[in-house]
Amino acid sequence: MRHHHSFSTILAAGLAMAFLAGAQYACQADAPGQADAEEPMDAEQAQETEGGEVHWSYEGDTGPDRWGGLDPSFAVCDTGVQQSPIDLAGGIPAGGGGLEIQWQPTDGEVVDNGHTIQVNMAEGNTITLEGRQFSMLQFHFHLPSEHTVEGGVYPMEVHFVHQAEEGDLAVVGVFMDAGGAHAAIQAIWDAIPGVDEAPAPLAGIDPNAFLPGGRAYFRYAGSLTTPPCSEVVSWVVMTESIAVSQAQVDAFAALYPMNARPVQPLHRRFILLK
């Protein structure tokens, strides 16, 4: 739409403000309509977005409605105005293009980090989003889906976390619906180590196996969906889902019966449909 700034412009402006102002990690959120001024994370922090020294969870006294008070660095979980996930409704058609996915079979390692099952990936997979390149760090799973579509929830969602040289992130989300068994999912499930065990090597995992047939996607500016909830994420959520068997969903649920943050207010953001 002609009268809206592009999300890449908004995000770049927010990051520039962070560097100029010397903003600290997990600083206060911007006013509505502005990008968050948080300092981008380094690669190690981005790899550990599902963990951290401060204990947090998805229920009770350390659940999502308490995250912002668990540690000063988590404050933006409560104060932010560009939080994720969101309900993907009212998307503004914006034409195709803007996303190039350059994924290939790559070695990885499977980790049970106490919050989800995560696959840390070797170098070699990138996306180009609106002219900027991001390199894949890892992907992980949520049950049920964190994003919803007009209020509808999917059984699971997988997030592919990428990082730019500047430090900000781009995450590709794919919904997982009940259907036939998924071979790549089964290979990961079969390799899952115990929580306190060493990561399990996984040779030649192909991220393309997790992409739906269509390439239409929702696009918006948001945050990590786990503490510290940093508002440094360019979100891409595919409109189509992939199929996994109910048995595969149940196998994940046996480990993590619920590891999804509730949807957050949209505030003055726009959702593009591309």
Protein backbone atom coordinates (compact mmCIF):
# COMPACT_ATOMS: atom_id res chain seq x y z
CA MET A 1 0.00 0.00 0.00
CA ARG A 2 1.46 3.38 -0.96
CA HIS A 3 0.76 5.14 2.33
CA HIS A 4 2.55 2.61 4.58
CA HIS A 5 6.29 2.49 5.26
CA SER A 6 7.89 -0.90 4.48
CA PHE A 7 8.63 -3.10 7.45
CA SER A 8 12.31 -3.22 6.54
CA THR A 9 12.44 0.58 6.67
CA ILE A 10 10.71 0.68 10.04
CA LEU A 11 12.93 -2.02 11.52
CA ALA A 12 16.13 -0.46 10.17
CA ALA A 13 15.15 2.89 11.63
CA GLY A 14 14.55 1.36 15.04
CA LEU A 15 17.89 -0.41 15.03
CA ALA A 16 19.71 2.76 14.01
CA MET A 17 18.08 4.56 16.94
CA ALA A 18 19.36 1.83 19.27
CA PHE A 19 22.95 2.24 18.22
CA LEU A 20 22.85 6.05 18.31
CA ALA A 21 21.27 6.19 21.72
CA GLY A 22 23.43 3.41 23.19
CA ALA A 23 20.30 1.57 24.17
CA GLN A 24 20.75 -1.42 26.44
CA TYR A 25 19.47 -4.91 25.82
CA ALA A 26 15.75 -5.23 26.70
CA CYS A 27 15.27 -1.50 27.05
CA GLN A 28 11.85 0.11 27.15
CA ALA A 29 9.66 -0.14 24.07
CA ASP A 30 9.12 2.71 21.62
CA ALA A 31 5.96 4.71 21.31
CA PRO A 32 3.23 3.11 19.17
CA GLY A 33 4.01 3.14 15.49
CA GLN A 34 7.80 3.14 15.93
CA ALA A 35 10.17 0.19 15.72
CA ASP A 36 11.64 -1.02 18.99
CA ALA A 37 14.99 0.48 19.95
CA GLU A 38 16.53 -2.66 21.42
CA GLU A 39 20.12 -3.52 20.68
CA PRO A 40 20.33 -6.57 18.39
CA MET A 41 21.43 -9.81 19.99
CA ASP A 42 24.72 -11.48 19.23
CA ALA A 43 24.74 -14.94 17.63
CA GLU A 44 25.10 -16.78 20.94
CA GLN A 45 22.09 -15.04 22.45
CA ALA A 46 20.06 -15.71 19.32
CA GLN A 47 20.99 -19.40 19.46
CA GLU A 48 19.70 -19.50 23.04
CA THR A 49 16.37 -17.71 22.52
CA GLU A 50 14.58 -20.68 24.08
CA GLY A 51 16.72 -20.69 27.24
CA GLY A 52 18.41 -18.43 29.76
CA GLU A 53 19.63 -18.37 33.36
CA VAL A 54 16.39 -16.95 34.75
CA HIS A 55 13.77 -19.68 35.09
CA TRP A 56 10.62 -19.13 33.07
CA SER A 57 7.88 -21.43 31.87
CA TYR A 58 4.49 -21.53 30.20
CA GLU A 59 2.35 -21.79 33.33
CA GLY A 60 2.00 -20.69 36.93
CA ASP A 61 4.20 -18.13 38.67
CA THR A 62 6.77 -18.19 35.86
CA GLY A 63 4.27 -18.27 32.99
CA PRO A 64 3.79 -15.76 30.15
CA ASP A 65 1.76 -13.25 32.17
CA ARG A 66 4.64 -13.06 34.68
CA TRP A 67 7.63 -13.00 32.31
CA GLY A 68 8.09 -9.24 32.39
CA GLY A 69 8.65 -9.28 36.15
CA LEU A 70 11.01 -12.22 36.38
CA ASP A 71 14.11 -10.24 35.43
CA PRO A 72 14.80 -6.63 34.39
CA SER A 73 16.00 -7.85 30.99
CA PHE A 74 12.54 -9.37 30.43
CA ALA A 75 10.66 -6.09 31.00
CA VAL A 76 9.75 -5.63 27.33
CA CYS A 77 7.63 -8.80 27.57
CA ASP A 78 5.17 -6.55 29.45
CA THR A 79 5.94 -3.08 28.07
CA GLY A 80 6.55 -3.82 24.39
CA VAL A 81 4.19 -2.72 21.64
CA GLN A 82 5.56 -5.04 18.93
CA GLN A 83 5.22 -8.36 20.70
CA SER A 84 4.76 -11.79 19.13
CA PRO A 85 2.91 -13.97 18.42
CA ILE A 86 -0.21 -12.30 17.04
CA ASP A 87 -3.47 -13.28 15.41
CA LEU A 88 -2.92 -13.06 11.66
CA ALA A 89 -6.13 -11.40 10.59
CA GLY A 90 -6.87 -8.47 8.30
CA GLY A 91 -3.73 -8.88 6.23
CA ILE A 92 -3.21 -6.13 3.65
CA PRO A 93 -2.52 -7.57 0.16
CA ALA A 94 0.92 -6.31 -0.87
CA GLY A 95 1.79 -8.36 -3.94
CA GLY A 96 4.31 -11.17 -4.16
CA GLY A 97 8.08 -11.12 -3.94
CA GLY A 98 10.39 -9.85 -1.25
CA LEU A 99 11.40 -13.28 0.06
CA GLU A 100 14.00 -15.66 -1.34
CA ILE A 101 14.67 -18.90 0.52
CA GLN A 102 18.09 -20.47 -0.04
CA TRP A 103 18.01 -23.64 2.05
CA GLN A 104 19.82 -26.92 1.43
CA PRO A 105 20.51 -30.21 3.24
CA THR A 106 22.82 -29.38 6.14
CA ASP A 107 24.16 -31.17 9.18
CA GLY A 108 22.67 -30.20 12.49
CA GLU A 109 22.26 -31.29 16.08
CA VAL A 110 19.08 -31.94 18.03
CA VAL A 111 18.75 -30.44 21.50
CA ASP A 112 16.09 -30.75 24.19
CA ASN A 113 16.66 -27.41 25.92
CA GLY A 114 13.92 -27.70 28.52
CA HIS A 115 11.49 -25.47 26.64
CA THR A 116 11.29 -27.11 23.21
CA ILE A 117 13.04 -29.42 20.78
CA GLN A 118 15.56 -27.38 18.79
CA VAL A 119 17.77 -28.22 15.81
CA ASN A 120 20.97 -26.15 15.68
CA MET A 121 22.11 -25.86 12.08
CA ALA A 122 25.56 -25.65 10.51
CA GLU A 123 26.23 -22.70 8.21
CA GLY A 124 24.92 -22.69 4.67
CA ASN A 125 21.20 -21.80 4.80
CA THR A 126 20.01 -18.24 4.20
CA ILE A 127 17.01 -16.18 3.29
CA THR A 128 16.93 -12.82 1.55
CA LEU A 129 14.11 -10.69 2.90
CA GLU A 130 13.42 -7.37 1.20
CA GLY A 131 17.00 -7.17 -0.02
CA ARG A 132 18.72 -8.17 3.24
CA GLN A 133 20.38 -11.54 3.85
CA PHE A 134 19.83 -13.55 7.03
CA SER A 135 21.63 -16.79 7.95
CA MET A 136 19.83 -19.68 9.64
CA LEU A 137 20.89 -20.44 13.21
CA GLN A 138 18.33 -22.98 14.36
CA PHE A 139 14.74 -24.10 14.20
CA HIS A 140 12.41 -25.27 16.94
CA PHE A 141 8.81 -26.29 17.61
CA HIS A 142 5.75 -25.06 19.51
CA LEU A 143 2.54 -26.84 20.51
CA PRO A 144 -0.05 -25.59 19.79
CA SER A 145 0.78 -22.99 17.15
CA GLU A 146 1.78 -19.64 18.61
CA HIS A 147 0.37 -17.56 15.77
CA THR A 148 -3.31 -17.95 14.98
CA VAL A 149 -5.14 -17.19 11.74
CA GLU A 150 -8.39 -15.31 12.31
CA GLY A 151 -8.56 -17.01 15.69
CA GLY A 152 -7.85 -20.48 14.35
CA VAL A 153 -5.13 -22.56 16.01
CA TYR A 154 -2.97 -25.25 14.38
CA PRO A 155 -1.67 -28.29 16.28
CA MET A 156 1.96 -27.14 15.99
CA GLU A 157 4.24 -24.49 14.50
CA VAL A 158 7.93 -24.59 13.54
CA HIS A 159 10.13 -21.47 13.66
CA PHE A 160 13.28 -21.07 11.53
CA VAL A 161 15.48 -18.46 13.20
CA HIS A 162 17.84 -16.42 10.97
CA GLN A 163 20.19 -13.57 11.83
CA ALA A 164 21.55 -10.66 9.76
CA GLU A 165 25.08 -9.32 10.06
CA GLU A 166 23.62 -6.31 11.86
CA GLY A 167 22.27 -8.60 14.58
CA ASP A 168 18.52 -8.44 14.05
CA LEU A 169 16.54 -11.57 13.29
CA ALA A 170 14.15 -12.91 10.67
CA VAL A 171 11.99 -15.88 11.62
CA VAL A 172 10.07 -18.03 9.15
CA GLY A 173 7.08 -19.72 10.76
CA VAL A 174 5.29 -22.73 9.27
CA PHE A 175 2.05 -24.19 10.62
CA MET A 176 1.85 -27.95 11.13
CA ASP A 177 -1.52 -29.66 10.68
CA ALA A 178 -2.60 -33.23 11.32
CA GLY A 179 -2.32 -35.46 8.25
CA GLY A 180 0.19 -37.98 6.97
CA ALA A 181 3.47 -38.77 8.69
CA HIS A 182 6.35 -36.39 7.94
CA ALA A 183 9.68 -38.14 7.31
CA ALA A 184 11.93 -35.23 8.33
CA ILE A 185 9.98 -34.70 11.55
CA GLN A 186 10.34 -38.38 12.38
CA ALA A 187 14.10 -38.22 11.85
CA ILE A 188 14.27 -35.37 14.38
CA TRP A 189 11.96 -37.07 16.88
CA ASP A 190 14.02 -40.27 16.65
CA ALA A 191 17.17 -38.31 17.50
CA ILE A 192 15.84 -36.37 20.51
CA PRO A 193 18.28 -36.67 23.44
CA GLY A 194 17.36 -36.35 27.09
CA VAL A 195 17.22 -32.90 28.67
CA ASP A 196 20.63 -33.32 30.32
CA GLU A 197 22.19 -35.30 27.48
CA ALA A 198 24.58 -34.02 24.81
CA PRO A 199 23.10 -32.78 21.53
CA ALA A 200 22.40 -35.57 19.05
CA PRO A 201 24.00 -35.17 15.60
CA LEU A 202 21.65 -35.17 12.62
CA ALA A 203 23.20 -35.48 9.18
CA GLY A 204 21.82 -33.86 6.06
CA ILE A 205 18.58 -32.40 7.41
CA ASP A 206 16.81 -30.50 4.63
CA PRO A 207 14.82 -27.47 5.87
CA ASN A 208 13.01 -27.36 2.52
CA ALA A 209 11.09 -30.43 3.66
CA PHE A 210 9.25 -28.16 6.11
CA LEU A 211 8.04 -25.66 3.51
CA PRO A 212 4.48 -25.86 2.14
CA GLY A 213 3.79 -26.04 -1.57
CA GLY A 214 2.69 -22.41 -1.79
CA ARG A 215 4.95 -19.49 -1.00
CA ALA A 216 2.38 -16.91 0.11
CA TYR A 217 3.12 -15.48 3.55
CA PHE A 218 2.12 -13.01 6.24
CA ARG A 219 4.70 -10.33 7.06
CA TYR A 220 4.91 -8.15 10.16
CA ALA A 221 7.39 -6.61 12.64
CA GLY A 222 7.53 -8.35 15.99
CA SER A 223 9.56 -10.00 18.74
CA LEU A 224 10.91 -13.21 20.12
CA THR A 225 8.05 -15.27 21.54
CA THR A 226 10.14 -16.27 24.58
CA PRO A 227 11.98 -14.15 27.15
CA PRO A 228 13.55 -11.66 26.81
CA CYS A 229 10.86 -10.93 24.11
CA SER A 230 13.26 -8.66 22.19
CA GLU A 231 11.51 -6.64 19.49
CA VAL A 232 14.11 -7.27 16.80
CA VAL A 233 12.31 -9.83 14.63
CA SER A 234 11.07 -9.57 11.06
CA TRP A 235 8.34 -12.21 10.96
CA VAL A 236 7.40 -14.28 7.92
CA VAL A 237 4.59 -16.80 8.53
CA MET A 238 3.60 -19.02 5.62
CA THR A 239 -0.11 -19.03 4.85
CA GLU A 240 -0.19 -22.74 4.00
CA SER A 241 0.57 -25.55 6.45
CA ILE A 242 2.49 -28.80 6.21
CA ALA A 243 1.14 -32.19 7.31
CA VAL A 244 2.41 -34.23 10.24
CA SER A 245 0.76 -37.30 11.69
CA GLN A 246 -1.28 -37.18 14.88
CA ALA A 247 1.17 -39.68 16.34
CA GLN A 248 4.01 -37.21 15.68
CA VAL A 249 2.05 -34.42 17.36
CA ASP A 250 1.35 -36.70 20.31
CA ALA A 251 5.04 -37.62 20.59
CA PHE A 252 5.99 -33.95 20.95
CA ALA A 253 3.08 -33.34 23.35
CA ALA A 254 4.40 -36.11 25.59
CA LEU A 255 7.50 -33.95 26.11
CA TYR A 256 5.92 -30.48 25.90
CA PRO A 257 2.13 -30.55 26.27
CA MET A 258 1.97 -26.74 25.90
CA ASN A 259 4.84 -24.42 24.95
CA ALA A 260 3.09 -21.58 23.15
CA ARG A 261 2.90 -17.96 24.27
CA PRO A 262 -0.62 -16.48 23.95
CA VAL A 263 -1.24 -14.04 21.11
CA GLN A 264 -0.30 -10.43 21.83
CA PRO A 265 -2.02 -7.13 20.93
CA LEU A 266 -1.34 -5.87 17.41
CA HIS A 267 -1.23 -2.22 18.54
CA ARG A 268 -0.45 0.11 15.63
CA ARG A 269 1.21 -2.45 13.39
CA PHE A 270 0.19 -3.67 9.97
CA ILE A 271 0.10 -7.24 8.69
CA LEU A 272 1.03 -7.60 5.04
CA LEU A 273 -0.14 -10.53 2.92
CA LYS A 274 2.41 -11.34 0.25
